[in-house]
Amino acid sequence: MLTESATGTTPIHPVTRDDFETWLEQADADIRDWARASGFEGEAGRHLLVPDGQGGVSSVLVGHEEHERIWALASLPGQLPAGDYHLAGDWSDEEGIRASVGWLLGAYRFDRYKSMPAPQARLTVKPEWRQQAEVLAGAASRVRDLVNTPAIDLGPEELAGALESLAERFNADYYCYEGEELKREFPAVHAVGQAASRGPRLARLSWGNPDHPSLALVGKGVVFDSGGLNIKPGAGMVLMKKDMGGAAHVIGLAEIIMSLGLKVHLRVYVPAVENAIAGNAYRPSDIIRTRNGTTVEIGNTDAEGRVILSDALSLACEEGAERVIDFATLTGAARVALGEDLPPVYGRDQAALRQLQDLSFSEEDPLWHMPLYKPYKRQIQPALADLSNTGTTPQGGSLTAALFLDHFVAADRDWMHLDIYAWNLSDRPGRPAGGEAQGLRAVWAWLRRVYD
């Protein structure tokens, strides 16, 4: 979809409706006349092919929202005639990489189960743009592929296998805990996944120079969430193949980190389970002893994500992580608060969180810093155990879930938690309905600033 050298390429002019008339006055007469004759006014999502008088295309105009520059080209790959194109005008490296990412994400197709025509238009870019864009868009596409794959083909073993394949590609160390070893070492992960016919596991990747700063990524890997004995209604279950979205994100982020050689000692942890129903399923009111000894009373079996993350977060801290970042499709409360497009991020370093939020909007991969309000921890402290996996009130559910996770991260470590949705409910340019990477580019931009 990207190329570095081509002759006779067709220019693409991204425009906005607000500035279109000013831009048009300075454009060539053939562009100006054709745009006015066609009624094109720079509307977001529309494009215009300007003919060359010989049956071909001399240039392309495409409208976009000012605040969505990354998606300016995203509608084009599947709509333009086959051929080579280039961005008209002057573009900084940052802008060029971002536009190239948008082009590649606009060309994304999930075609595992249904053949789809591949776009034939190619964008000509600088070599340095291409390298960065293909890594970023490739990782986001991998996240989408994993989230879109139904549980019949993506069980705990296959999800762990995705991390194993990544380890093989980058010559990283890999280990997977399962069976009796998992039950002994990670009792919370085992408890949630024990009812499924496909056994639970915890996959671990390690890469990089041990002398570099230690970074741990932890991702919730519930390949399908029926709700367990607190079974979900049908409408609440239909998207639950995406409940491993957190695991997909840390796999994608690890791919970026290793591809671009960030100077960290990276560890990735994926607790992979199916939350199923059977005679041996864990029950409401059960009390589970987690890896670090904390006891957890199960208030609701449908709040399983935080339970499996508890063991993985504990292991990350035991193994010396200085900074821990987790991704999880954790709560519906986050969607009530901020909707599908804007994941909340919680953490301990307020300055870092503000910086991440600012960067996320610059990267057009938005996150919103939410408070980790400690007094609400009283809502998850039951009479019979150290913690409950549900709160005493329905209010603040995303916050109390974050406080639950905070308990399992050592007090002297930096920690961030992203409560993502990992899904697009409808089609938009570059963002087809289905699995989505959220916060991936934003967190990468922040990590690059911290460690480079």
Protein backbone atom coordinates (compact mmCIF):
# COMPACT_ATOMS: atom_id res chain seq x y z
CA MET A 1 0.00 0.00 0.00
CA LEU A 2 3.06 2.26 0.39
CA THR A 3 5.96 2.66 -2.01
CA GLU A 4 9.10 4.77 -1.88
CA SER A 5 9.72 5.46 -5.55
CA ALA A 6 7.38 5.78 -8.48
CA THR A 7 7.15 7.95 -11.57
CA GLY A 8 4.14 9.80 -12.84
CA THR A 9 2.39 9.82 -9.48
CA THR A 10 -0.90 11.66 -8.98
CA PRO A 11 -1.00 14.39 -6.32
CA ILE A 12 -3.49 14.21 -3.45
CA HIS A 13 -4.60 17.49 -1.87
CA PRO A 14 -6.15 17.10 1.62
CA VAL A 15 -8.44 20.07 2.32
CA THR A 16 -10.87 21.23 5.00
CA ARG A 17 -14.23 22.81 4.38
CA ASP A 18 -13.44 25.93 6.42
CA ASP A 19 -10.33 26.76 4.39
CA PHE A 20 -11.41 25.34 1.07
CA GLU A 21 -12.34 28.57 -0.71
CA THR A 22 -9.05 30.19 0.25
CA TRP A 23 -7.16 27.12 -0.94
CA LEU A 24 -9.18 26.93 -4.15
CA GLU A 25 -8.39 30.52 -5.13
CA GLN A 26 -4.70 29.62 -5.19
CA ALA A 27 -5.17 26.30 -7.02
CA ASP A 28 -4.68 25.73 -10.75
CA ALA A 29 -7.58 26.85 -12.92
CA ASP A 30 -8.48 23.32 -14.04
CA ILE A 31 -8.79 22.19 -10.40
CA ARG A 32 -10.76 25.30 -9.44
CA ASP A 33 -13.17 25.02 -12.36
CA TRP A 34 -13.75 21.28 -11.91
CA ALA A 35 -14.33 21.57 -8.16
CA ARG A 36 -16.91 24.30 -8.61
CA ALA A 37 -18.63 22.50 -11.47
CA SER A 38 -18.78 19.33 -9.34
CA GLY A 39 -20.13 21.07 -6.24
CA PHE A 40 -17.19 19.88 -4.16
CA GLU A 41 -16.63 22.08 -1.10
CA GLY A 42 -14.07 20.14 0.92
CA GLU A 43 -16.61 18.20 2.98
CA ALA A 44 -15.05 15.64 5.30
CA GLY A 45 -15.15 12.13 3.84
CA ARG A 46 -15.73 13.26 0.24
CA HIS A 47 -13.13 13.18 -2.50
CA LEU A 48 -12.97 14.54 -6.03
CA LEU A 49 -11.07 13.13 -8.99
CA VAL A 50 -9.90 15.92 -11.29
CA PRO A 51 -9.64 14.64 -14.89
CA ASP A 52 -6.55 15.23 -17.01
CA GLY A 53 -8.46 15.50 -20.30
CA GLN A 54 -7.07 12.21 -21.58
CA GLY A 55 -9.22 9.78 -19.63
CA GLY A 56 -6.98 9.80 -16.58
CA VAL A 57 -6.79 11.63 -13.26
CA SER A 58 -4.61 14.72 -12.85
CA SER A 59 -5.16 15.18 -9.11
CA VAL A 60 -7.31 14.18 -6.16
CA LEU A 61 -8.98 16.44 -3.60
CA VAL A 62 -10.08 14.90 -0.31
CA GLY A 63 -11.94 16.60 2.52
CA HIS A 64 -11.23 15.95 6.18
CA GLU A 65 -11.97 17.38 9.60
CA GLU A 66 -9.27 19.70 10.92
CA HIS A 67 -8.98 17.68 14.13
CA GLU A 68 -8.68 14.36 12.27
CA ARG A 69 -5.68 14.82 10.00
CA ILE A 70 -4.55 11.23 10.43
CA TRP A 71 -7.78 10.10 8.77
CA ALA A 72 -7.53 12.60 5.88
CA LEU A 73 -6.45 9.87 3.45
CA ALA A 74 -8.15 6.92 5.10
CA SER A 75 -11.19 6.88 2.82
CA LEU A 76 -9.09 6.77 -0.35
CA PRO A 77 -7.24 3.42 -0.68
CA GLY A 78 -10.37 1.44 -1.52
CA GLN A 79 -11.93 4.14 -3.71
CA LEU A 80 -9.14 5.47 -5.92
CA PRO A 81 -8.30 3.92 -9.28
CA ALA A 82 -5.26 1.64 -9.28
CA GLY A 83 -2.05 3.62 -9.51
CA ASP A 84 0.54 5.57 -7.56
CA TYR A 85 -0.22 8.76 -5.66
CA HIS A 86 1.68 11.25 -3.52
CA LEU A 87 0.89 13.94 -0.98
CA ALA A 88 0.92 17.41 -2.51
CA GLY A 89 2.55 20.26 -0.61
CA ASP A 90 5.04 20.35 2.23
CA TRP A 91 4.67 17.79 4.99
CA SER A 92 6.81 17.45 8.09
CA ASP A 93 8.06 13.97 8.92
CA GLU A 94 5.59 13.76 11.80
CA GLU A 95 2.66 14.75 9.58
CA GLY A 96 3.81 12.48 6.77
CA ILE A 97 4.12 9.44 9.02
CA ARG A 98 0.70 10.12 10.51
CA ALA A 99 -0.92 10.47 7.08
CA SER A 100 0.79 7.27 5.93
CA VAL A 101 -0.56 5.42 8.97
CA GLY A 102 -4.04 6.69 8.13
CA TRP A 103 -3.67 5.48 4.54
CA LEU A 104 -2.62 2.01 5.68
CA LEU A 105 -5.41 1.75 8.24
CA GLY A 106 -7.84 2.84 5.54
CA ALA A 107 -6.63 -0.12 3.48
CA TYR A 108 -7.22 -2.59 6.33
CA ARG A 109 -9.46 -5.56 5.58
CA PHE A 110 -10.35 -8.46 7.90
CA ASP A 111 -10.63 -11.14 5.26
CA ARG A 112 -10.02 -14.36 7.20
CA TYR A 113 -13.58 -15.60 6.63
CA LYS A 114 -14.71 -13.63 3.59
CA SER A 115 -12.73 -12.65 0.53
CA MET A 116 -12.50 -8.91 -0.07
CA PRO A 117 -10.84 -7.03 -2.92
CA ALA A 118 -7.52 -5.51 -1.88
CA PRO A 119 -7.06 -1.81 -2.65
CA GLN A 120 -4.82 -1.23 -5.69
CA ALA A 121 -3.88 2.39 -5.03
CA ARG A 122 -0.39 3.02 -3.60
CA LEU A 123 0.91 6.07 -1.77
CA THR A 124 4.47 7.16 -2.53
CA VAL A 125 6.26 8.31 0.63
CA LYS A 126 9.73 8.94 2.03
CA PRO A 127 11.59 5.80 3.20
CA GLU A 128 11.63 6.99 6.82
CA TRP A 129 7.87 7.59 6.70
CA ARG A 130 7.28 4.14 5.32
CA GLN A 131 9.29 2.33 7.98
CA GLN A 132 7.52 4.02 10.88
CA ALA A 133 4.06 3.91 9.30
CA GLU A 134 4.22 0.22 8.41
CA VAL A 135 5.26 -0.68 11.95
CA LEU A 136 2.54 1.42 13.59
CA ALA A 137 -0.24 0.44 11.19
CA GLY A 138 0.92 -3.18 11.12
CA ALA A 139 0.67 -3.44 14.90
CA ALA A 140 -2.76 -1.78 14.91
CA SER A 141 -3.92 -4.18 12.19
CA ARG A 142 -2.68 -7.13 14.25
CA VAL A 143 -4.71 -5.86 17.20
CA ARG A 144 -7.77 -5.60 14.97
CA ASP A 145 -7.24 -9.09 13.55
CA LEU A 146 -6.97 -10.65 17.01
CA VAL A 147 -10.04 -8.83 18.34
CA ASN A 148 -12.09 -9.66 15.24
CA THR A 149 -11.29 -13.38 15.40
CA PRO A 150 -14.13 -15.34 17.05
CA ALA A 151 -13.43 -17.50 20.08
CA ILE A 152 -13.97 -20.71 18.13
CA ASP A 153 -10.63 -19.97 16.44
CA LEU A 154 -8.98 -17.93 19.21
CA GLY A 155 -8.95 -19.82 22.48
CA PRO A 156 -6.48 -19.34 25.34
CA GLU A 157 -3.90 -21.48 23.55
CA GLU A 158 -4.14 -19.49 20.32
CA LEU A 159 -3.99 -16.16 22.14
CA ALA A 160 -0.87 -17.26 24.00
CA GLY A 161 0.41 -18.52 20.65
CA ALA A 162 0.18 -15.01 19.22
CA LEU A 163 2.61 -13.85 21.90
CA GLU A 164 4.82 -16.88 21.27
CA SER A 165 4.97 -16.09 17.55
CA LEU A 166 6.03 -12.54 18.38
CA ALA A 167 8.75 -13.88 20.67
CA GLU A 168 10.06 -16.13 17.89
CA ARG A 169 10.09 -13.25 15.42
CA PHE A 170 12.23 -11.06 17.69
CA ASN A 171 14.29 -13.78 19.36
CA ALA A 172 12.70 -13.01 22.73
CA ASP A 173 12.32 -15.40 25.65
CA TYR A 174 8.89 -16.99 26.04
CA TYR A 175 7.25 -19.16 28.66
CA CYS A 176 3.67 -20.28 29.23
CA TYR A 177 2.26 -21.43 32.57
CA GLU A 178 -0.61 -23.91 32.36
CA GLY A 179 -2.10 -26.96 34.07
CA GLU A 180 -1.02 -27.72 37.63
CA GLU A 181 1.78 -25.17 37.48
CA LEU A 182 -0.73 -22.44 36.66
CA LYS A 183 -3.08 -23.60 39.43
CA ARG A 184 -0.24 -23.49 41.95
CA GLU A 185 1.43 -20.25 40.86
CA PHE A 186 -1.52 -18.20 39.56
CA PRO A 187 -4.63 -19.35 41.43
CA ALA A 188 -6.79 -16.39 40.38
CA VAL A 189 -6.16 -16.97 36.67
CA HIS A 190 -6.89 -20.67 37.13
CA ALA A 191 -10.10 -20.07 39.09
CA VAL A 192 -11.64 -17.88 36.39
CA GLY A 193 -10.70 -20.22 33.53
CA GLN A 194 -11.17 -23.63 35.15
CA ALA A 195 -14.71 -24.24 33.84
CA ALA A 196 -13.78 -23.96 30.16
CA SER A 197 -12.95 -26.99 28.04
CA ARG A 198 -9.88 -25.10 26.82
CA GLY A 199 -7.55 -24.63 29.77
CA PRO A 200 -6.40 -21.26 31.10
CA ARG A 201 -2.79 -20.15 30.91
CA LEU A 202 -0.47 -17.22 31.50
CA ALA A 203 1.98 -16.38 28.71
CA ARG A 204 5.13 -14.36 29.33
CA LEU A 205 7.60 -12.70 26.93
CA SER A 206 10.94 -11.10 27.86
CA TRP A 207 13.08 -9.03 25.49
CA GLY A 208 15.86 -6.47 25.60
CA ASN A 209 18.94 -5.55 27.58
CA PRO A 210 18.51 -6.24 31.32
CA ASP A 211 20.57 -3.10 31.99
CA HIS A 212 17.89 -0.94 30.38
CA PRO A 213 14.86 0.39 32.33
CA SER A 214 12.34 -2.35 33.05
CA LEU A 215 8.91 -2.01 31.45
CA ALA A 216 6.04 -4.47 31.91
CA LEU A 217 2.93 -4.68 29.73
CA VAL A 218 -0.04 -6.64 31.06
CA GLY A 219 -3.13 -7.40 28.96
CA LYS A 220 -6.47 -8.91 29.87
CA GLY A 221 -6.97 -12.03 27.74
CA VAL A 222 -10.54 -13.28 28.19
CA VAL A 223 -11.13 -14.92 24.81
CA PHE A 224 -14.87 -15.09 25.44
CA ASP A 225 -16.87 -13.82 28.38
CA SER A 226 -20.21 -15.49 28.97
CA GLY A 227 -20.33 -13.78 32.35
CA GLY A 228 -19.87 -17.11 34.09
CA LEU A 229 -22.59 -18.15 36.53
CA ASN A 230 -23.70 -14.49 36.57
CA ILE A 231 -24.49 -15.06 32.91
CA LYS A 232 -24.80 -12.12 30.57
CA PRO A 233 -28.00 -11.55 28.56
CA GLY A 234 -27.70 -12.20 24.84
CA ALA A 235 -27.29 -8.54 23.95
CA GLY A 236 -24.45 -8.22 26.45
CA MET A 237 -22.68 -11.33 25.19
CA VAL A 238 -22.70 -10.72 21.45
CA LEU A 239 -19.43 -8.73 21.38
CA MET A 240 -17.63 -10.72 24.02
CA LYS A 241 -15.10 -12.23 21.63
CA LYS A 242 -13.43 -8.82 22.05
CA ASP A 243 -12.82 -9.30 25.77
CA MET A 244 -9.23 -10.26 25.00
CA GLY A 245 -8.68 -6.79 23.53
CA GLY A 246 -6.26 -5.83 26.29
CA ALA A 247 -4.03 -8.79 25.46
CA ALA A 248 -4.17 -7.87 21.77
CA HIS A 249 -3.05 -4.35 22.64
CA VAL A 250 0.00 -5.37 24.65
CA ILE A 251 0.99 -7.78 21.87
CA GLY A 252 0.67 -4.93 19.37
CA LEU A 253 2.56 -2.47 21.57
CA ALA A 254 5.33 -5.01 22.15
CA GLU A 255 5.62 -5.43 18.39
CA ILE A 256 6.16 -1.67 17.99
CA ILE A 257 8.68 -1.53 20.84
CA MET A 258 10.76 -4.40 19.48
CA SER A 259 10.48 -3.37 15.82
CA LEU A 260 11.71 0.15 16.54
CA GLY A 261 14.24 -0.86 19.17
CA LEU A 262 13.09 1.08 22.21
CA LYS A 263 15.80 0.92 24.88
CA VAL A 264 13.89 -0.96 27.56
CA HIS A 265 13.97 -4.37 29.18
CA LEU A 266 10.48 -5.44 28.13
CA ARG A 267 8.26 -8.06 29.68
CA VAL A 268 4.76 -8.87 28.46
CA TYR A 269 2.19 -10.86 30.46
CA VAL A 270 -1.01 -12.29 28.98
CA PRO A 271 -3.37 -14.19 31.31
CA ALA A 272 -5.54 -16.09 28.80
CA VAL A 273 -8.85 -17.66 29.85
CA GLU A 274 -12.41 -18.31 28.76
CA ASN A 275 -15.05 -17.31 31.32
CA ALA A 276 -17.38 -20.28 30.85
CA ILE A 277 -20.19 -22.06 32.70
CA ALA A 278 -19.89 -25.59 34.07
CA GLY A 279 -20.29 -27.50 37.31
CA ASN A 280 -16.80 -26.50 38.39
CA ALA A 281 -17.14 -22.80 37.53
CA TYR A 282 -16.15 -20.30 40.18
CA ARG A 283 -19.16 -18.91 42.01
CA PRO A 284 -20.48 -15.68 43.49
CA SER A 285 -19.38 -15.54 47.16
CA ASP A 286 -16.32 -17.74 46.55
CA ILE A 287 -13.17 -16.38 48.17
CA ILE A 288 -10.03 -16.79 46.08
CA ARG A 289 -6.47 -16.42 47.33
CA THR A 290 -4.43 -14.62 44.67
CA ARG A 291 -0.74 -15.01 43.88
CA ASN A 292 0.40 -12.32 46.33
CA GLY A 293 -1.78 -13.71 49.15
CA THR A 294 -4.60 -11.17 48.89
CA THR A 295 -8.01 -12.79 49.31
CA VAL A 296 -10.76 -11.77 46.89
CA GLU A 297 -14.47 -12.35 47.44
CA ILE A 298 -16.32 -12.87 44.18
CA GLY A 299 -19.23 -10.46 44.13
CA ASN A 300 -19.98 -11.21 40.49
CA THR A 301 -18.39 -13.76 38.16
CA ASP A 302 -18.80 -11.28 35.30
CA ALA A 303 -16.11 -9.06 36.85
CA GLU A 304 -13.47 -11.63 35.96
CA GLY A 305 -10.96 -9.43 34.14
CA ARG A 306 -9.59 -7.73 37.23
CA VAL A 307 -9.29 -11.13 38.93
CA ILE A 308 -6.98 -12.59 36.29
CA LEU A 309 -5.02 -9.35 36.01
CA SER A 310 -4.27 -9.45 39.75
CA ASP A 311 -1.91 -12.41 39.38
CA ALA A 312 -0.22 -11.04 36.27
CA LEU A 313 0.38 -7.63 37.89
CA SER A 314 1.85 -9.35 40.94
CA LEU A 315 4.26 -11.33 38.77
CA ALA A 316 5.31 -8.21 36.86
CA CYS A 317 6.26 -6.51 40.12
CA GLU A 318 8.02 -9.61 41.47
CA GLU A 319 10.17 -9.68 38.36
CA GLY A 320 11.34 -6.13 38.90
CA ALA A 321 9.24 -3.98 36.58
CA GLU A 322 9.87 -0.30 37.29
CA ARG A 323 6.89 0.74 35.20
CA VAL A 324 3.74 -1.32 34.59
CA ILE A 325 1.13 -0.50 31.94
CA ASP A 326 -1.99 -2.60 31.60
CA PHE A 327 -4.67 -2.62 28.92
CA ALA A 328 -8.07 -4.18 29.58
CA THR A 329 -11.61 -4.17 28.22
CA LEU A 330 -12.54 -3.94 31.86
CA THR A 331 -15.80 -2.09 32.50
CA GLY A 332 -19.00 -0.94 30.88
CA ALA A 333 -18.85 1.98 33.30
CA ALA A 334 -15.97 3.46 31.29
CA ARG A 335 -18.21 3.57 28.23
CA VAL A 336 -21.02 5.20 30.21
CA ALA A 337 -18.58 7.89 31.33
CA LEU A 338 -16.67 8.55 28.10
CA GLY A 339 -18.23 6.57 25.25
CA GLU A 340 -16.64 4.17 22.79
CA ASP A 341 -13.87 6.40 21.38
CA LEU A 342 -12.26 7.83 24.51
CA PRO A 343 -10.73 5.30 26.92
CA PRO A 344 -9.99 6.46 30.45
CA VAL A 345 -6.46 6.10 31.78
CA TYR A 346 -5.69 5.82 35.49
CA GLY A 347 -2.36 5.86 37.26
CA ARG A 348 -0.06 7.25 39.92
CA ASP A 349 2.18 9.85 38.25
CA GLN A 350 -0.13 12.78 37.59
CA ALA A 351 2.37 14.72 35.48
CA ALA A 352 2.99 11.67 33.29
CA LEU A 353 -0.75 11.09 32.89
CA ARG A 354 -1.31 14.70 31.82
CA GLN A 355 1.55 14.39 29.35
CA LEU A 356 0.09 11.16 27.97
CA GLN A 357 -3.33 12.76 27.59
CA ASP A 358 -1.87 15.74 25.72
CA LEU A 359 0.16 13.47 23.45
CA SER A 360 -2.85 11.26 22.78
CA PHE A 361 -4.78 14.15 21.30
CA SER A 362 -1.77 15.24 19.26
CA GLU A 363 -1.55 11.69 17.91
CA GLU A 364 -5.33 11.62 17.30
CA ASP A 365 -5.50 8.50 19.47
CA PRO A 366 -7.30 10.08 22.42
CA LEU A 367 -7.15 9.06 26.08
CA TRP A 368 -8.63 10.83 29.09
CA HIS A 369 -6.89 11.00 32.46
CA MET A 370 -9.31 10.01 35.24
CA PRO A 371 -8.68 10.34 38.98
CA LEU A 372 -7.61 7.36 41.08
CA TYR A 373 -9.73 8.47 44.03
CA LYS A 374 -8.49 6.34 46.93
CA PRO A 375 -11.42 6.88 49.36
CA TYR A 376 -13.60 4.77 47.05
CA LYS A 377 -11.51 1.73 47.90
CA ARG A 378 -13.89 1.27 50.83
CA GLN A 379 -16.46 0.13 48.26
CA ILE A 380 -14.40 -2.97 47.40
CA GLN A 381 -13.44 -3.99 50.95
CA PRO A 382 -15.89 -6.69 52.12
CA ALA A 383 -16.28 -8.17 55.58
CA LEU A 384 -14.90 -11.64 54.84
CA ALA A 385 -11.94 -11.00 52.50
CA ASP A 386 -9.34 -8.37 51.68
CA LEU A 387 -11.08 -7.24 48.49
CA SER A 388 -14.25 -7.78 46.49
CA ASN A 389 -14.22 -7.87 42.70
CA THR A 390 -17.32 -5.65 42.67
CA GLY A 391 -18.25 -2.45 44.44
CA THR A 392 -21.00 -1.89 46.95
CA THR A 393 -22.69 0.65 44.64
CA PRO A 394 -23.05 0.80 40.84
CA GLN A 395 -21.49 4.27 40.72
CA GLY A 396 -17.85 4.77 39.74
CA GLY A 397 -17.41 1.25 38.40
CA SER A 398 -14.41 2.03 36.20
CA LEU A 399 -12.70 3.79 39.10
CA THR A 400 -13.26 1.02 41.63
CA ALA A 401 -11.99 -1.52 39.07
CA ALA A 402 -8.84 0.57 38.71
CA LEU A 403 -8.47 0.71 42.50
CA PHE A 404 -8.72 -3.08 42.60
CA LEU A 405 -5.82 -3.36 40.13
CA ASP A 406 -3.82 -0.70 41.97
CA HIS A 407 -3.79 -2.97 45.03
CA PHE A 408 -1.68 -5.55 43.15
CA VAL A 409 1.01 -3.15 41.91
CA ALA A 410 3.87 -2.55 44.34
CA ALA A 411 3.68 0.91 45.90
CA ASP A 412 7.09 1.98 44.60
CA ARG A 413 6.31 1.27 40.91
CA ASP A 414 4.88 3.57 38.30
CA TRP A 415 1.62 2.19 36.90
CA MET A 416 -0.95 3.11 34.29
CA HIS A 417 -4.22 1.36 33.48
CA LEU A 418 -6.19 1.84 30.25
CA ASP A 419 -9.84 0.75 30.33
CA ILE A 420 -10.39 0.32 26.59
CA TYR A 421 -13.37 -0.65 24.43
CA ALA A 422 -11.33 -2.13 21.51
CA TRP A 423 -14.26 -1.85 19.11
CA ASN A 424 -15.84 0.45 16.53
CA LEU A 425 -19.62 0.27 16.50
CA SER A 426 -19.89 1.78 13.01
CA ASP A 427 -17.78 2.43 9.91
CA ARG A 428 -15.75 5.61 9.57
CA PRO A 429 -12.80 6.34 7.27
CA GLY A 430 -9.89 4.22 8.47
CA ARG A 431 -11.96 2.80 11.32
CA PRO A 432 -14.18 -0.01 10.08
CA ALA A 433 -16.80 -1.50 12.37
CA GLY A 434 -15.18 -4.19 14.49
CA GLY A 435 -11.97 -4.58 16.44
CA GLU A 436 -9.94 -1.45 17.06
CA ALA A 437 -6.61 -0.43 18.58
CA GLN A 438 -7.13 2.32 21.14
CA GLY A 439 -4.33 4.16 22.90
CA LEU A 440 -1.71 2.13 21.04
CA ARG A 441 -0.09 5.00 19.13
CA ALA A 442 -0.57 7.36 22.07
CA VAL A 443 1.22 5.13 24.56
CA TRP A 444 3.97 4.44 22.03
CA ALA A 445 4.50 8.18 21.51
CA TRP A 446 4.73 8.66 25.27
CA LEU A 447 7.12 5.73 25.76
CA ARG A 448 9.36 7.04 22.99
CA ARG A 449 9.50 10.41 24.72
CA VAL A 450 10.32 8.79 28.09
CA TYR A 451 12.93 6.25 26.96
CA ASP A 452 14.55 7.71 23.83
